[in-house]
Amino acid sequence: MSDGVSDLGRFAEPSLHILVSLSEGPKHGYAIMTDVEAITGTPMGPGTLYGALARLERRGLIEALEPVDRRRPYKLTGTGEATVRAQLERLQGLARTGLERLSDSTS
């Protein structure tokens, strides 16, 4: 039986970065872009950001809140939170295995 989260497929990096940013709480577009740059060291352009936000919203992983001072904040849904957690756990396992293998190959 499916848990729903695994059915959502893999994520492109921008989507995962946005979900990680929103895991701290609701943010508007510019705040997401600056947070993602702080986390990754790489800027995210507005086209990438708003395209990914639209896809994440269609998938039910985030939802737009009422605008505040002409800025529309977004927040994770329950499914979004479960999804980002599952994706990060998978990446953590991949990183752990990769690092162990690299360590073994230098021994």
PDB file of N, CA and C in Angstrom:
ATOM      1  N   MET A   1       0.834  -1.180   0.000  1.00  0.00           N
ATOM      2  CA  MET A   1       0.000   0.000   0.000  1.00  0.00           C
ATOM      3  C   MET A   1       0.878   1.242   0.000  1.00  0.00           C
ATOM      4  N   SER A   2       0.474   2.265  -0.682  1.00  0.00           N
ATOM      5  CA  SER A   2       1.242   3.490  -0.819  1.00  0.00           C
ATOM      6  C   SER A   2       0.965   4.440   0.337  1.00  0.00           C
ATOM      7  N   ASP A   3       2.021   5.201   0.735  1.00  0.00           N
ATOM      8  CA  ASP A   3       1.821   6.193   1.779  1.00  0.00           C
ATOM      9  C   ASP A   3       1.519   7.565   1.206  1.00  0.00           C
ATOM     10  N   GLY A   4       1.473   7.687  -0.112  1.00  0.00           N
ATOM     11  CA  GLY A   4       1.178   8.974  -0.736  1.00  0.00           C
ATOM     12  C   GLY A   4       2.427   9.794  -0.979  1.00  0.00           C
ATOM     13  N   VAL A   5       3.357   9.790  -0.044  1.00  0.00           N
ATOM     14  CA  VAL A   5       4.571  10.587  -0.183  1.00  0.00           C
ATOM     15  C   VAL A   5       5.462  10.016  -1.265  1.00  0.00           C
ATOM     16  N   SER A   6       5.656   8.704  -1.271  1.00  0.00           N
ATOM     17  CA  SER A   6       6.529   8.099  -2.262  1.00  0.00           C
ATOM     18  C   SER A   6       5.957   8.219  -3.672  1.00  0.00           C
ATOM     19  N   ASP A   7       4.667   8.451  -3.812  1.00  0.00           N
ATOM     20  CA  ASP A   7       4.052   8.609  -5.121  1.00  0.00           C
ATOM     21  C   ASP A   7       4.366   9.956  -5.764  1.00  0.00           C
ATOM     22  N   LEU A   8       4.974  10.862  -5.024  1.00  0.00           N
ATOM     23  CA  LEU A   8       5.188  12.206  -5.537  1.00  0.00           C
ATOM     24  C   LEU A   8       6.439  12.321  -6.389  1.00  0.00           C
ATOM     25  N   GLY A   9       7.210  11.283  -6.499  1.00  0.00           N
ATOM     26  CA  GLY A   9       8.348  11.282  -7.408  1.00  0.00           C
ATOM     27  C   GLY A   9       9.541  12.034  -6.860  1.00  0.00           C
ATOM     28  N   ARG A  10      10.541  12.178  -7.720  1.00  0.00           N
ATOM     29  CA  ARG A  10      11.750  12.879  -7.299  1.00  0.00           C
ATOM     30  C   ARG A  10      11.573  14.372  -7.530  1.00  0.00           C
ATOM     31  N   PHE A  11      12.472  15.148  -6.968  1.00  0.00           N
ATOM     32  CA  PHE A  11      12.380  16.600  -7.042  1.00  0.00           C
ATOM     33  C   PHE A  11      13.600  17.180  -7.709  1.00  0.00           C
ATOM     34  N   ALA A  12      13.366  18.202  -8.493  1.00  0.00           N
ATOM     35  CA  ALA A  12      14.476  18.998  -8.981  1.00  0.00           C
ATOM     36  C   ALA A  12      15.004  19.801  -7.792  1.00  0.00           C
ATOM     37  N   GLU A  13      16.261  20.169  -7.842  1.00  0.00           N
ATOM     38  CA  GLU A  13      16.858  20.907  -6.733  1.00  0.00           C
ATOM     39  C   GLU A  13      16.092  22.164  -6.343  1.00  0.00           C
ATOM     40  N   PRO A  14      15.668  23.012  -7.281  1.00  0.00           N
ATOM     41  CA  PRO A  14      14.961  24.225  -6.843  1.00  0.00           C
ATOM     42  C   PRO A  14      13.734  23.924  -5.986  1.00  0.00           C
ATOM     43  N   SER A  15      12.959  22.930  -6.345  1.00  0.00           N
ATOM     44  CA  SER A  15      11.777  22.588  -5.561  1.00  0.00           C
ATOM     45  C   SER A  15      12.158  22.133  -4.160  1.00  0.00           C
ATOM     46  N   LEU A  16      13.174  21.307  -4.066  1.00  0.00           N
ATOM     47  CA  LEU A  16      13.614  20.834  -2.756  1.00  0.00           C
ATOM     48  C   LEU A  16      14.147  21.998  -1.926  1.00  0.00           C
ATOM     49  N   HIS A  17      14.897  22.893  -2.544  1.00  0.00           N
ATOM     50  CA  HIS A  17      15.419  24.056  -1.828  1.00  0.00           C
ATOM     51  C   HIS A  17      14.277  24.922  -1.295  1.00  0.00           C
ATOM     52  N   ILE A  18      13.243  25.107  -2.080  1.00  0.00           N
ATOM     53  CA  ILE A  18      12.085  25.897  -1.644  1.00  0.00           C
ATOM     54  C   ILE A  18      11.391  25.210  -0.472  1.00  0.00           C
ATOM     55  N   LEU A  19      11.190  23.907  -0.575  1.00  0.00           N
ATOM     56  CA  LEU A  19      10.544  23.174   0.515  1.00  0.00           C
ATOM     57  C   LEU A  19      11.362  23.268   1.799  1.00  0.00           C
ATOM     58  N   VAL A  20      12.668  23.174   1.691  1.00  0.00           N
ATOM     59  CA  VAL A  20      13.527  23.303   2.871  1.00  0.00           C
ATOM     60  C   VAL A  20      13.395  24.706   3.453  1.00  0.00           C
ATOM     61  N   SER A  21      13.390  25.714   2.604  1.00  0.00           N
ATOM     62  CA  SER A  21      13.234  27.086   3.076  1.00  0.00           C
ATOM     63  C   SER A  21      11.911  27.261   3.819  1.00  0.00           C
ATOM     64  N   LEU A  22      10.837  26.737   3.249  1.00  0.00           N
ATOM     65  CA  LEU A  22       9.517  26.883   3.868  1.00  0.00           C
ATOM     66  C   LEU A  22       9.344  26.010   5.105  1.00  0.00           C
ATOM     67  N   SER A  23      10.246  25.057   5.327  1.00  0.00           N
ATOM     68  CA  SER A  23      10.139  24.221   6.520  1.00  0.00           C
ATOM     69  C   SER A  23      10.391  25.045   7.785  1.00  0.00           C
ATOM     70  N   GLU A  24      10.967  26.215   7.632  1.00  0.00           N
ATOM     71  CA  GLU A  24      11.197  27.119   8.758  1.00  0.00           C
ATOM     72  C   GLU A  24       9.949  27.946   9.086  1.00  0.00           C
ATOM     73  N   GLY A  25       9.022  28.009   8.123  1.00  0.00           N
ATOM     74  CA  GLY A  25       7.801  28.788   8.313  1.00  0.00           C
ATOM     75  C   GLY A  25       7.458  29.533   7.037  1.00  0.00           C
ATOM     76  N   PRO A  26       6.287  30.169   6.991  1.00  0.00           N
ATOM     77  CA  PRO A  26       5.857  30.873   5.776  1.00  0.00           C
ATOM     78  C   PRO A  26       6.826  31.981   5.367  1.00  0.00           C
ATOM     79  N   LYS A  27       6.974  32.125   4.051  1.00  0.00           N
ATOM     80  CA  LYS A  27       7.836  33.168   3.482  1.00  0.00           C
ATOM     81  C   LYS A  27       7.253  33.622   2.153  1.00  0.00           C
ATOM     82  N   HIS A  28       7.531  34.862   1.784  1.00  0.00           N
ATOM     83  CA  HIS A  28       7.179  35.355   0.458  1.00  0.00           C
ATOM     84  C   HIS A  28       8.349  35.088  -0.489  1.00  0.00           C
ATOM     85  N   GLY A  29       8.127  35.339  -1.770  1.00  0.00           N
ATOM     86  CA  GLY A  29       9.097  34.979  -2.798  1.00  0.00           C
ATOM     87  C   GLY A  29      10.500  35.485  -2.573  1.00  0.00           C
ATOM     88  N   TYR A  30      10.643  36.781  -2.294  1.00  0.00           N
ATOM     89  CA  TYR A  30      11.986  37.338  -2.112  1.00  0.00           C
ATOM     90  C   TYR A  30      12.671  36.708  -0.909  1.00  0.00           C
ATOM     91  N   ALA A  31      11.935  36.491   0.173  1.00  0.00           N
ATOM     92  CA  ALA A  31      12.520  35.856   1.364  1.00  0.00           C
ATOM     93  C   ALA A  31      12.959  34.430   1.061  1.00  0.00           C
ATOM     94  N   ILE A  32      12.195  33.719   0.236  1.00  0.00           N
ATOM     95  CA  ILE A  32      12.595  32.359  -0.167  1.00  0.00           C
ATOM     96  C   ILE A  32      13.888  32.428  -0.969  1.00  0.00           C
ATOM     97  N   MET A  33      13.948  33.352  -1.934  1.00  0.00           N
ATOM     98  CA  MET A  33      15.157  33.461  -2.764  1.00  0.00           C
ATOM     99  C   MET A  33      16.394  33.758  -1.921  1.00  0.00           C
ATOM    100  N   THR A  34      16.292  34.687  -0.975  1.00  0.00           N
ATOM    101  CA  THR A  34      17.465  35.019  -0.160  1.00  0.00           C
ATOM    102  C   THR A  34      17.828  33.873   0.784  1.00  0.00           C
ATOM    103  N   ASP A  35      16.824  33.161   1.299  1.00  0.00           N
ATOM    104  CA  ASP A  35      17.097  32.015   2.164  1.00  0.00           C
ATOM    105  C   ASP A  35      17.774  30.892   1.388  1.00  0.00           C
ATOM    106  N   VAL A  36      17.270  30.602   0.198  1.00  0.00           N
ATOM    107  CA  VAL A  36      17.870  29.545  -0.627  1.00  0.00           C
ATOM    108  C   VAL A  36      19.317  29.899  -0.955  1.00  0.00           C
ATOM    109  N   GLU A  37      19.568  31.157  -1.279  1.00  0.00           N
ATOM    110  CA  GLU A  37      20.946  31.553  -1.567  1.00  0.00           C
ATOM    111  C   GLU A  37      21.832  31.393  -0.328  1.00  0.00           C
ATOM    112  N   ALA A  38      21.303  31.730   0.840  1.00  0.00           N
ATOM    113  CA  ALA A  38      22.076  31.560   2.075  1.00  0.00           C
ATOM    114  C   ALA A  38      22.370  30.087   2.350  1.00  0.00           C
ATOM    115  N   ILE A  39      21.413  29.229   2.065  1.00  0.00           N
ATOM    116  CA  ILE A  39      21.574  27.790   2.316  1.00  0.00           C
ATOM    117  C   ILE A  39      22.537  27.149   1.324  1.00  0.00           C
ATOM    118  N   THR A  40      22.373  27.493   0.037  1.00  0.00           N
ATOM    119  CA  THR A  40      23.099  26.789  -1.023  1.00  0.00           C
ATOM    120  C   THR A  40      24.320  27.531  -1.551  1.00  0.00           C
ATOM    121  N   GLY A  41      24.363  28.845  -1.335  1.00  0.00           N
ATOM    122  CA  GLY A  41      25.446  29.637  -1.900  1.00  0.00           C
ATOM    123  C   GLY A  41      25.215  29.990  -3.357  1.00  0.00           C
ATOM    124  N   THR A  42      24.061  29.620  -3.884  1.00  0.00           N
ATOM    125  CA  THR A  42      23.735  29.866  -5.286  1.00  0.00           C
ATOM    126  C   THR A  42      22.421  30.636  -5.367  1.00  0.00           C
ATOM    127  N   PRO A  43      22.404  31.748  -6.118  1.00  0.00           N
ATOM    128  CA  PRO A  43      21.154  32.489  -6.238  1.00  0.00           C
ATOM    129  C   PRO A  43      20.119  31.739  -7.064  1.00  0.00           C
ATOM    130  N   MET A  44      18.870  31.970  -6.744  1.00  0.00           N
ATOM    131  CA  MET A  44      17.752  31.402  -7.500  1.00  0.00           C
ATOM    132  C   MET A  44      17.040  32.569  -8.173  1.00  0.00           C
ATOM    133  N   GLY A  45      16.903  32.504  -9.473  1.00  0.00           N
ATOM    134  CA  GLY A  45      16.236  33.572 -10.198  1.00  0.00           C
ATOM    135  C   GLY A  45      14.732  33.530  -9.999  1.00  0.00           C
ATOM    136  N   PRO A  46      14.068  34.661 -10.243  1.00  0.00           N
ATOM    137  CA  PRO A  46      12.618  34.711 -10.061  1.00  0.00           C
ATOM    138  C   PRO A  46      11.857  33.761 -10.982  1.00  0.00           C
ATOM    139  N   GLY A  47      12.317  33.549 -12.193  1.00  0.00           N
ATOM    140  CA  GLY A  47      11.636  32.617 -13.100  1.00  0.00           C
ATOM    141  C   GLY A  47      11.653  31.202 -12.556  1.00  0.00           C
ATOM    142  N   THR A  48      12.810  30.793 -12.058  1.00  0.00           N
ATOM    143  CA  THR A  48      12.941  29.465 -11.455  1.00  0.00           C
ATOM    144  C   THR A  48      12.058  29.367 -10.218  1.00  0.00           C
ATOM    145  N   LEU A  49      12.116  30.395  -9.370  1.00  0.00           N
ATOM    146  CA  LEU A  49      11.343  30.395  -8.130  1.00  0.00           C
ATOM    147  C   LEU A  49       9.849  30.286  -8.401  1.00  0.00           C
ATOM    148  N   TYR A  50       9.317  31.184  -9.215  1.00  0.00           N
ATOM    149  CA  TYR A  50       7.860  31.218  -9.381  1.00  0.00           C
ATOM    150  C   TYR A  50       7.337  30.035 -10.194  1.00  0.00           C
ATOM    151  N   GLY A  51       8.153  29.512 -11.111  1.00  0.00           N
ATOM    152  CA  GLY A  51       7.760  28.282 -11.803  1.00  0.00           C
ATOM    153  C   GLY A  51       7.677  27.110 -10.846  1.00  0.00           C
ATOM    154  N   ALA A  52       8.673  27.002  -9.966  1.00  0.00           N
ATOM    155  CA  ALA A  52       8.677  25.911  -8.984  1.00  0.00           C
ATOM    156  C   ALA A  52       7.550  26.091  -7.969  1.00  0.00           C
ATOM    157  N   LEU A  53       7.298  27.325  -7.526  1.00  0.00           N
ATOM    158  CA  LEU A  53       6.191  27.560  -6.597  1.00  0.00           C
ATOM    159  C   LEU A  53       4.864  27.119  -7.202  1.00  0.00           C
ATOM    160  N   ALA A  54       4.650  27.430  -8.470  1.00  0.00           N
ATOM    161  CA  ALA A  54       3.399  27.033  -9.131  1.00  0.00           C
ATOM    162  C   ALA A  54       3.271  25.517  -9.184  1.00  0.00           C
ATOM    163  N   ARG A  55       4.364  24.817  -9.510  1.00  0.00           N
ATOM    164  CA  ARG A  55       4.330  23.343  -9.552  1.00  0.00           C
ATOM    165  C   ARG A  55       4.082  22.761  -8.175  1.00  0.00           C
ATOM    166  N   LEU A  56       4.751  23.289  -7.161  1.00  0.00           N
ATOM    167  CA  LEU A  56       4.574  22.788  -5.798  1.00  0.00           C
ATOM    168  C   LEU A  56       3.154  23.027  -5.302  1.00  0.00           C
ATOM    169  N   GLU A  57       2.584  24.172  -5.670  1.00  0.00           N
ATOM    170  CA  GLU A  57       1.208  24.463  -5.268  1.00  0.00           C
ATOM    171  C   GLU A  57       0.228  23.523  -5.975  1.00  0.00           C
ATOM    172  N   ARG A  58       0.439  23.278  -7.268  1.00  0.00           N
ATOM    173  CA  ARG A  58      -0.430  22.334  -7.998  1.00  0.00           C
ATOM    174  C   ARG A  58      -0.372  20.941  -7.405  1.00  0.00           C
ATOM    175  N   ARG A  59       0.783  20.544  -6.904  1.00  0.00           N
ATOM    176  CA  ARG A  59       0.952  19.212  -6.308  1.00  0.00           C
ATOM    177  C   ARG A  59       0.438  19.152  -4.873  1.00  0.00           C
ATOM    178  N   GLY A  60       0.018  20.284  -4.337  1.00  0.00           N
ATOM    179  CA  GLY A  60      -0.530  20.307  -2.989  1.00  0.00           C
ATOM    180  C   GLY A  60       0.523  20.288  -1.889  1.00  0.00           C
ATOM    181  N   LEU A  61       1.771  20.644  -2.223  1.00  0.00           N
ATOM    182  CA  LEU A  61       2.847  20.604  -1.241  1.00  0.00           C
ATOM    183  C   LEU A  61       3.006  21.930  -0.506  1.00  0.00           C
ATOM    184  N   ILE A  62       2.556  23.008  -1.134  1.00  0.00           N
ATOM    185  CA  ILE A  62       2.567  24.322  -0.503  1.00  0.00           C
ATOM    186  C   ILE A  62       1.235  24.986  -0.784  1.00  0.00           C
ATOM    187  N   GLU A  63       0.937  26.028  -0.022  1.00  0.00           N
ATOM    188  CA  GLU A  63      -0.253  26.809  -0.328  1.00  0.00           C
ATOM    189  C   GLU A  63       0.074  28.278  -0.143  1.00  0.00           C
ATOM    190  N   ALA A  64      -0.546  29.088  -0.997  1.00  0.00           N
ATOM    191  CA  ALA A  64      -0.377  30.531  -0.911  1.00  0.00           C
ATOM    192  C   ALA A  64      -1.289  31.064   0.180  1.00  0.00           C
ATOM    193  N   LEU A  65      -0.775  31.990   0.946  1.00  0.00           N
ATOM    194  CA  LEU A  65      -1.551  32.655   1.986  1.00  0.00           C
ATOM    195  C   LEU A  65      -2.032  34.001   1.461  1.00  0.00           C
ATOM    196  N   GLU A  66      -2.830  34.679   2.242  1.00  0.00           N
ATOM    197  CA  GLU A  66      -3.301  36.011   1.855  1.00  0.00           C
ATOM    198  C   GLU A  66      -2.109  36.962   1.742  1.00  0.00           C
ATOM    199  N   PRO A  67      -2.113  37.832   0.742  1.00  0.00           N
ATOM    200  CA  PRO A  67      -1.004  38.790   0.589  1.00  0.00           C
ATOM    201  C   PRO A  67      -0.864  39.700   1.811  1.00  0.00           C
ATOM    202  N   VAL A  68       0.382  40.053   2.098  1.00  0.00           N
ATOM    203  CA  VAL A  68       0.712  40.994   3.160  1.00  0.00           C
ATOM    204  C   VAL A  68       1.574  42.076   2.520  1.00  0.00           C
ATOM    205  N   ASP A  69       1.084  43.309   2.517  1.00  0.00           N
ATOM    206  CA  ASP A  69       1.825  44.414   1.890  1.00  0.00           C
ATOM    207  C   ASP A  69       2.251  44.064   0.458  1.00  0.00           C
ATOM    208  N   ARG A  70       1.325  43.571  -0.315  1.00  0.00           N
ATOM    209  CA  ARG A  70       1.526  43.204  -1.731  1.00  0.00           C
ATOM    210  C   ARG A  70       2.476  42.032  -1.929  1.00  0.00           C
ATOM    211  N   ARG A  71       2.850  41.353  -0.885  1.00  0.00           N
ATOM    212  CA  ARG A  71       3.698  40.154  -0.989  1.00  0.00           C
ATOM    213  C   ARG A  71       2.871  38.957  -0.574  1.00  0.00           C
ATOM    214  N   ARG A  72       2.949  37.901  -1.383  1.00  0.00           N
ATOM    215  CA  ARG A  72       2.174  36.698  -1.100  1.00  0.00           C
ATOM    216  C   ARG A  72       3.078  35.657  -0.447  1.00  0.00           C
ATOM    217  N   PRO A  73       2.842  35.362   0.821  1.00  0.00           N
ATOM    218  CA  PRO A  73       3.629  34.308   1.468  1.00  0.00           C
ATOM    219  C   PRO A  73       3.095  32.920   1.100  1.00  0.00           C
ATOM    220  N   TYR A  74       3.959  31.943   1.226  1.00  0.00           N
ATOM    221  CA  TYR A  74       3.626  30.542   0.983  1.00  0.00           C
ATOM    222  C   TYR A  74       3.979  29.752   2.221  1.00  0.00           C
ATOM    223  N   LYS A  75       3.268  28.649   2.430  1.00  0.00           N
ATOM    224  CA  LYS A  75       3.586  27.764   3.553  1.00  0.00           C
ATOM    225  C   LYS A  75       3.484  26.317   3.102  1.00  0.00           C
ATOM    226  N   LEU A  76       4.187  25.453   3.820  1.00  0.00           N
ATOM    227  CA  LEU A  76       4.100  24.016   3.564  1.00  0.00           C
ATOM    228  C   LEU A  76       2.728  23.505   3.977  1.00  0.00           C
ATOM    229  N   THR A  77       2.215  22.560   3.244  1.00  0.00           N
ATOM    230  CA  THR A  77       1.031  21.820   3.678  1.00  0.00           C
ATOM    231  C   THR A  77       1.528  20.622   4.488  1.00  0.00           C
ATOM    232  N   GLY A  78       0.614  19.879   5.065  1.00  0.00           N
ATOM    233  CA  GLY A  78       1.005  18.657   5.771  1.00  0.00           C
ATOM    234  C   GLY A  78       1.700  17.677   4.844  1.00  0.00           C
ATOM    235  N   THR A  79       1.182  17.553   3.633  1.00  0.00           N
ATOM    236  CA  THR A  79       1.810  16.677   2.634  1.00  0.00           C
ATOM    237  C   THR A  79       3.182  17.205   2.258  1.00  0.00           C
ATOM    238  N   GLY A  80       3.310  18.520   2.148  1.00  0.00           N
ATOM    239  CA  GLY A  80       4.602  19.122   1.824  1.00  0.00           C
ATOM    240  C   GLY A  80       5.637  18.832   2.894  1.00  0.00           C
ATOM    241  N   GLU A  81       5.228  18.934   4.149  1.00  0.00           N
ATOM    242  CA  GLU A  81       6.155  18.648   5.243  1.00  0.00           C
ATOM    243  C   GLU A  81       6.591  17.184   5.216  1.00  0.00           C
ATOM    244  N   ALA A  82       5.661  16.285   5.037  1.00  0.00           N
ATOM    245  CA  ALA A  82       6.000  14.856   4.969  1.00  0.00           C
ATOM    246  C   ALA A  82       6.900  14.567   3.776  1.00  0.00           C
ATOM    247  N   THR A  83       6.639  15.237   2.676  1.00  0.00           N
ATOM    248  CA  THR A  83       7.421  15.020   1.458  1.00  0.00           C
ATOM    249  C   THR A  83       8.845  15.508   1.613  1.00  0.00           C
ATOM    250  N   VAL A  84       9.029  16.722   2.141  1.00  0.00           N
ATOM    251  CA  VAL A  84      10.394  17.238   2.290  1.00  0.00           C
ATOM    252  C   VAL A  84      11.163  16.387   3.291  1.00  0.00           C
ATOM    253  N   ARG A  85      10.510  15.931   4.330  1.00  0.00           N
ATOM    254  CA  ARG A  85      11.175  15.053   5.305  1.00  0.00           C
ATOM    255  C   ARG A  85      11.640  13.760   4.620  1.00  0.00           C
ATOM    256  N   ALA A  86      10.757  13.140   3.842  1.00  0.00           N
ATOM    257  CA  ALA A  86      11.101  11.889   3.151  1.00  0.00           C
ATOM    258  C   ALA A  86      12.239  12.104   2.150  1.00  0.00           C
ATOM    259  N   GLN A  87      12.185  13.199   1.407  1.00  0.00           N
ATOM    260  CA  GLN A  87      13.235  13.482   0.426  1.00  0.00           C
ATOM    261  C   GLN A  87      14.583  13.683   1.123  1.00  0.00           C
ATOM    262  N   LEU A  88      14.595  14.426   2.217  1.00  0.00           N
ATOM    263  CA  LEU A  88      15.842  14.682   2.942  1.00  0.00           C
ATOM    264  C   LEU A  88      16.398  13.409   3.577  1.00  0.00           C
ATOM    265  N   GLU A  89      15.521  12.548   4.069  1.00  0.00           N
ATOM    266  CA  GLU A  89      15.993  11.270   4.626  1.00  0.00           C
ATOM    267  C   GLU A  89      16.620  10.406   3.544  1.00  0.00           C
ATOM    268  N   ARG A  90      16.037  10.401   2.348  1.00  0.00           N
ATOM    269  CA  ARG A  90      16.632   9.639   1.233  1.00  0.00           C
ATOM    270  C   ARG A  90      17.997  10.202   0.868  1.00  0.00           C
ATOM    271  N   LEU A  91      18.090  11.532   0.795  1.00  0.00           N
ATOM    272  CA  LEU A  91      19.370  12.160   0.464  1.00  0.00           C
ATOM    273  C   LEU A  91      20.408  11.903   1.549  1.00  0.00           C
ATOM    274  N   GLN A  92      19.984  11.901   2.797  1.00  0.00           N
ATOM    275  CA  GLN A  92      20.896  11.629   3.898  1.00  0.00           C
ATOM    276  C   GLN A  92      21.469  10.214   3.766  1.00  0.00           C
ATOM    277  N   GLY A  93      20.623   9.266   3.420  1.00  0.00           N
ATOM    278  CA  GLY A  93      21.092   7.895   3.224  1.00  0.00           C
ATOM    279  C   GLY A  93      22.063   7.793   2.059  1.00  0.00           C
ATOM    280  N   LEU A  94      21.769   8.477   0.979  1.00  0.00           N
ATOM    281  CA  LEU A  94      22.659   8.477  -0.184  1.00  0.00           C
ATOM    282  C   LEU A  94      24.011   9.086   0.187  1.00  0.00           C
ATOM    283  N   ALA A  95      23.977  10.237   0.883  1.00  0.00           N
ATOM    284  CA  ALA A  95      25.226  10.897   1.274  1.00  0.00           C
ATOM    285  C   ALA A  95      26.048  10.008   2.198  1.00  0.00           C
ATOM    286  N   ARG A  96      25.400   9.381   3.155  1.00  0.00           N
ATOM    287  CA  ARG A  96      26.104   8.511   4.102  1.00  0.00           C
ATOM    288  C   ARG A  96      26.787   7.352   3.360  1.00  0.00           C
ATOM    289  N   THR A  97      26.053   6.712   2.459  1.00  0.00           N
ATOM    290  CA  THR A  97      26.616   5.595   1.699  1.00  0.00           C
ATOM    291  C   THR A  97      27.778   6.056   0.829  1.00  0.00           C
ATOM    292  N   GLY A  98      27.590   7.183   0.144  1.00  0.00           N
ATOM    293  CA  GLY A  98      28.658   7.706  -0.713  1.00  0.00           C
ATOM    294  C   GLY A  98      29.918   8.029   0.064  1.00  0.00           C
ATOM    295  N   LEU A  99      29.765   8.671   1.208  1.00  0.00           N
ATOM    296  CA  LEU A  99      30.923   9.016   2.018  1.00  0.00           C
ATOM    297  C   LEU A  99      31.615   7.780   2.581  1.00  0.00           C
ATOM    298  N   GLU A 100      30.833   6.792   2.974  1.00  0.00           N
ATOM    299  CA  GLU A 100      31.421   5.535   3.467  1.00  0.00           C
ATOM    300  C   GLU A 100      32.210   4.851   2.349  1.00  0.00           C
ATOM    301  N   ARG A 101      31.660   4.839   1.145  1.00  0.00           N
ATOM    302  CA  ARG A 101      32.354   4.200   0.031  1.00  0.00           C
ATOM    303  C   ARG A 101      33.636   4.947  -0.335  1.00  0.00           C
ATOM    304  N   LEU A 102      33.584   6.252  -0.291  1.00  0.00           N
ATOM    305  CA  LEU A 102      34.799   7.032  -0.565  1.00  0.00           C
ATOM    306  C   LEU A 102      35.852   6.780   0.506  1.00  0.00           C
ATOM    307  N   SER A 103      35.419   6.682   1.733  1.00  0.00           N
ATOM    308  CA  SER A 103      36.341   6.416   2.835  1.00  0.00           C
ATOM    309  C   SER A 103      36.969   5.029   2.666  1.00  0.00           C
ATOM    310  N   ASP A 104      36.161   4.035   2.279  1.00  0.00           N
ATOM    311  CA  ASP A 104      36.654   2.679   2.069  1.00  0.00           C
ATOM    312  C   ASP A 104      37.642   2.609   0.899  1.00  0.00           C
ATOM    313  N   SER A 105      37.416   3.410  -0.143  1.00  0.00           N
ATOM    314  CA  SER A 105      38.279   3.343  -1.332  1.00  0.00           C
ATOM    315  C   SER A 105      39.637   3.975  -1.100  1.00  0.00           C
ATOM    316  N   THR A 106      39.755   4.818  -0.085  1.00  0.00           N
ATOM    317  CA  THR A 106      41.056   5.444   0.205  1.00  0.00           C
ATOM    318  C   THR A 106      41.855   4.665   1.246  1.00  0.00           C
ATOM    319  N   SER A 107      41.257   3.603   1.782  1.00  0.00           N
ATOM    320  CA  SER A 107      41.936   2.809   2.824  1.00  0.00           C
ATOM    321  C   SER A 107      42.916   1.846   2.220  1.00  0.00           C
TER     322      SER A 107
END
